[in-house]
Amino acid sequence: MRKKQFLQVSCPRCRNRQIIFSNASYEVKCFKCNYLLSKSTGGRAKVRAPVRGVL
């Protein structure tokens, strides 16, 4: 079982960096351009942006 953690991701469209939760239960969109960064899958979120770091 993987740990629940916070991830720093970079938006592929506008390069904005944002912190998201690895087990988010909702869709997370970029604050600047509204690009879908991660989508809920019922457990671990599917991250659609490059991960820059783990916090």
N, C-alpha and C. Protein backbone atom coordinates (compact mmCIF):
# COMPACT_ATOMS: atom_id res chain seq x y z
N MET A 1 0.84 -1.19 0.00
CA MET A 1 0.00 0.00 0.00
C MET A 1 0.88 1.25 0.00
N ARG A 2 0.58 2.16 -0.90
CA ARG A 2 1.37 3.39 -1.00
C ARG A 2 0.92 4.41 0.03
N LYS A 3 1.87 5.28 0.40
CA LYS A 3 1.56 6.34 1.35
C LYS A 3 0.78 7.45 0.68
N LYS A 4 -0.05 8.08 1.45
CA LYS A 4 -0.75 9.27 0.98
C LYS A 4 0.21 10.44 1.14
N GLN A 5 0.36 11.24 0.09
CA GLN A 5 1.33 12.32 0.14
C GLN A 5 0.90 13.50 -0.72
N PHE A 6 1.54 14.61 -0.51
CA PHE A 6 1.30 15.80 -1.31
C PHE A 6 2.34 15.85 -2.42
N LEU A 7 1.89 16.24 -3.62
CA LEU A 7 2.76 16.29 -4.78
C LEU A 7 2.80 17.71 -5.35
N GLN A 8 3.97 18.15 -5.74
CA GLN A 8 4.08 19.42 -6.45
C GLN A 8 4.12 19.09 -7.93
N VAL A 9 3.14 19.57 -8.68
CA VAL A 9 3.05 19.28 -10.10
C VAL A 9 3.18 20.57 -10.90
N SER A 10 3.55 20.42 -12.16
CA SER A 10 3.69 21.55 -13.06
C SER A 10 2.68 21.38 -14.19
N CYS A 11 1.88 22.39 -14.43
CA CYS A 11 0.88 22.33 -15.49
C CYS A 11 1.57 22.27 -16.85
N PRO A 12 1.24 21.27 -17.68
CA PRO A 12 1.90 21.17 -18.99
C PRO A 12 1.52 22.28 -19.96
N ARG A 13 0.41 22.95 -19.71
CA ARG A 13 -0.04 24.01 -20.61
C ARG A 13 0.58 25.36 -20.28
N CYS A 14 0.55 25.77 -19.01
CA CYS A 14 1.02 27.12 -18.65
C CYS A 14 2.21 27.13 -17.70
N ARG A 15 2.72 25.96 -17.30
CA ARG A 15 3.88 25.79 -16.42
C ARG A 15 3.66 26.31 -14.99
N ASN A 16 2.43 26.53 -14.60
CA ASN A 16 2.13 26.93 -13.23
C ASN A 16 2.37 25.75 -12.30
N ARG A 17 3.03 25.98 -11.17
CA ARG A 17 3.26 24.91 -10.20
C ARG A 17 2.18 24.95 -9.13
N GLN A 18 1.74 23.77 -8.75
CA GLN A 18 0.63 23.65 -7.82
C GLN A 18 0.83 22.42 -6.96
N ILE A 19 0.35 22.45 -5.73
CA ILE A 19 0.45 21.31 -4.82
C ILE A 19 -0.90 20.61 -4.77
N ILE A 20 -0.88 19.28 -4.98
CA ILE A 20 -2.11 18.49 -4.96
C ILE A 20 -1.91 17.29 -4.04
N PHE A 21 -3.01 16.67 -3.62
CA PHE A 21 -2.97 15.50 -2.76
C PHE A 21 -3.02 14.25 -3.62
N SER A 22 -2.24 13.24 -3.29
CA SER A 22 -2.15 12.04 -4.12
C SER A 22 -3.43 11.21 -4.12
N ASN A 23 -4.26 11.35 -3.09
CA ASN A 23 -5.51 10.61 -3.01
C ASN A 23 -6.71 11.55 -3.07
N ALA A 24 -6.65 12.54 -3.94
CA ALA A 24 -7.74 13.51 -4.05
C ALA A 24 -9.02 12.82 -4.51
N SER A 25 -10.12 13.17 -3.89
CA SER A 25 -11.40 12.55 -4.23
C SER A 25 -12.23 13.42 -5.18
N TYR A 26 -11.58 14.36 -5.81
CA TYR A 26 -12.25 15.25 -6.76
C TYR A 26 -11.25 15.65 -7.85
N GLU A 27 -11.72 16.18 -8.93
CA GLU A 27 -10.85 16.63 -10.02
C GLU A 27 -10.14 17.92 -9.60
N VAL A 28 -8.84 17.98 -9.87
CA VAL A 28 -8.04 19.16 -9.55
C VAL A 28 -7.66 19.83 -10.85
N LYS A 29 -7.98 21.12 -10.96
CA LYS A 29 -7.66 21.88 -12.16
C LYS A 29 -6.65 22.97 -11.85
N CYS A 30 -5.91 23.39 -12.87
CA CYS A 30 -4.92 24.46 -12.74
C CYS A 30 -5.64 25.77 -12.41
N PHE A 31 -5.05 26.53 -11.49
CA PHE A 31 -5.65 27.80 -11.10
C PHE A 31 -5.62 28.82 -12.23
N LYS A 32 -4.58 28.77 -13.07
CA LYS A 32 -4.42 29.76 -14.13
C LYS A 32 -5.22 29.44 -15.39
N CYS A 33 -5.05 28.22 -15.93
CA CYS A 33 -5.61 27.93 -17.25
C CYS A 33 -6.73 26.89 -17.23
N ASN A 34 -7.08 26.38 -16.05
CA ASN A 34 -8.19 25.44 -15.90
C ASN A 34 -7.92 24.07 -16.54
N TYR A 35 -6.67 23.70 -16.74
CA TYR A 35 -6.29 22.39 -17.27
C TYR A 35 -6.49 21.34 -16.18
N LEU A 36 -6.99 20.16 -16.53
CA LEU A 36 -7.22 19.09 -15.57
C LEU A 36 -5.89 18.45 -15.17
N LEU A 37 -5.47 18.65 -13.92
CA LEU A 37 -4.19 18.14 -13.43
C LEU A 37 -4.31 16.72 -12.89
N SER A 38 -5.38 16.42 -12.18
CA SER A 38 -5.57 15.06 -11.68
C SER A 38 -7.05 14.73 -11.62
N LYS A 39 -7.33 13.45 -11.79
CA LYS A 39 -8.71 12.97 -11.83
C LYS A 39 -8.87 11.86 -10.80
N SER A 40 -9.98 11.87 -10.09
CA SER A 40 -10.25 10.85 -9.08
C SER A 40 -10.57 9.52 -9.74
N THR A 41 -10.07 8.44 -9.14
CA THR A 41 -10.34 7.10 -9.66
C THR A 41 -11.00 6.22 -8.60
N GLY A 42 -11.41 6.80 -7.50
CA GLY A 42 -12.01 6.03 -6.42
C GLY A 42 -11.03 5.70 -5.32
N GLY A 43 -9.76 5.76 -5.60
CA GLY A 43 -8.70 5.51 -4.62
C GLY A 43 -7.61 6.53 -4.83
N ARG A 44 -6.56 6.09 -5.43
CA ARG A 44 -5.46 6.99 -5.75
C ARG A 44 -5.81 7.80 -6.99
N ALA A 45 -5.54 9.10 -6.95
CA ALA A 45 -5.86 9.97 -8.07
C ALA A 45 -4.92 9.71 -9.25
N LYS A 46 -5.44 9.84 -10.46
CA LYS A 46 -4.60 9.72 -11.66
C LYS A 46 -4.07 11.11 -12.00
N VAL A 47 -2.76 11.29 -11.85
CA VAL A 47 -2.12 12.58 -12.08
C VAL A 47 -1.80 12.70 -13.56
N ARG A 48 -2.27 13.80 -14.18
CA ARG A 48 -2.07 14.01 -15.61
C ARG A 48 -1.03 15.08 -15.90
N ALA A 49 -0.26 15.48 -14.89
CA ALA A 49 0.77 16.51 -15.03
C ALA A 49 2.09 15.98 -14.49
N PRO A 50 3.22 16.51 -14.97
CA PRO A 50 4.51 16.04 -14.47
C PRO A 50 4.71 16.40 -12.99
N VAL A 51 5.15 15.43 -12.21
CA VAL A 51 5.40 15.64 -10.78
C VAL A 51 6.80 16.22 -10.61
N ARG A 52 6.89 17.36 -9.94
CA ARG A 52 8.18 18.04 -9.73
C ARG A 52 8.79 17.70 -8.39
N GLY A 53 7.98 17.24 -7.44
CA GLY A 53 8.51 16.91 -6.14
C GLY A 53 7.46 16.29 -5.24
N VAL A 54 7.92 15.60 -4.22
CA VAL A 54 7.04 15.01 -3.22
C VAL A 54 7.29 15.73 -1.91
N LEU A 55 6.23 16.17 -1.27
CA LEU A 55 6.36 16.93 -0.03
C LEU A 55 5.99 16.08 1.17
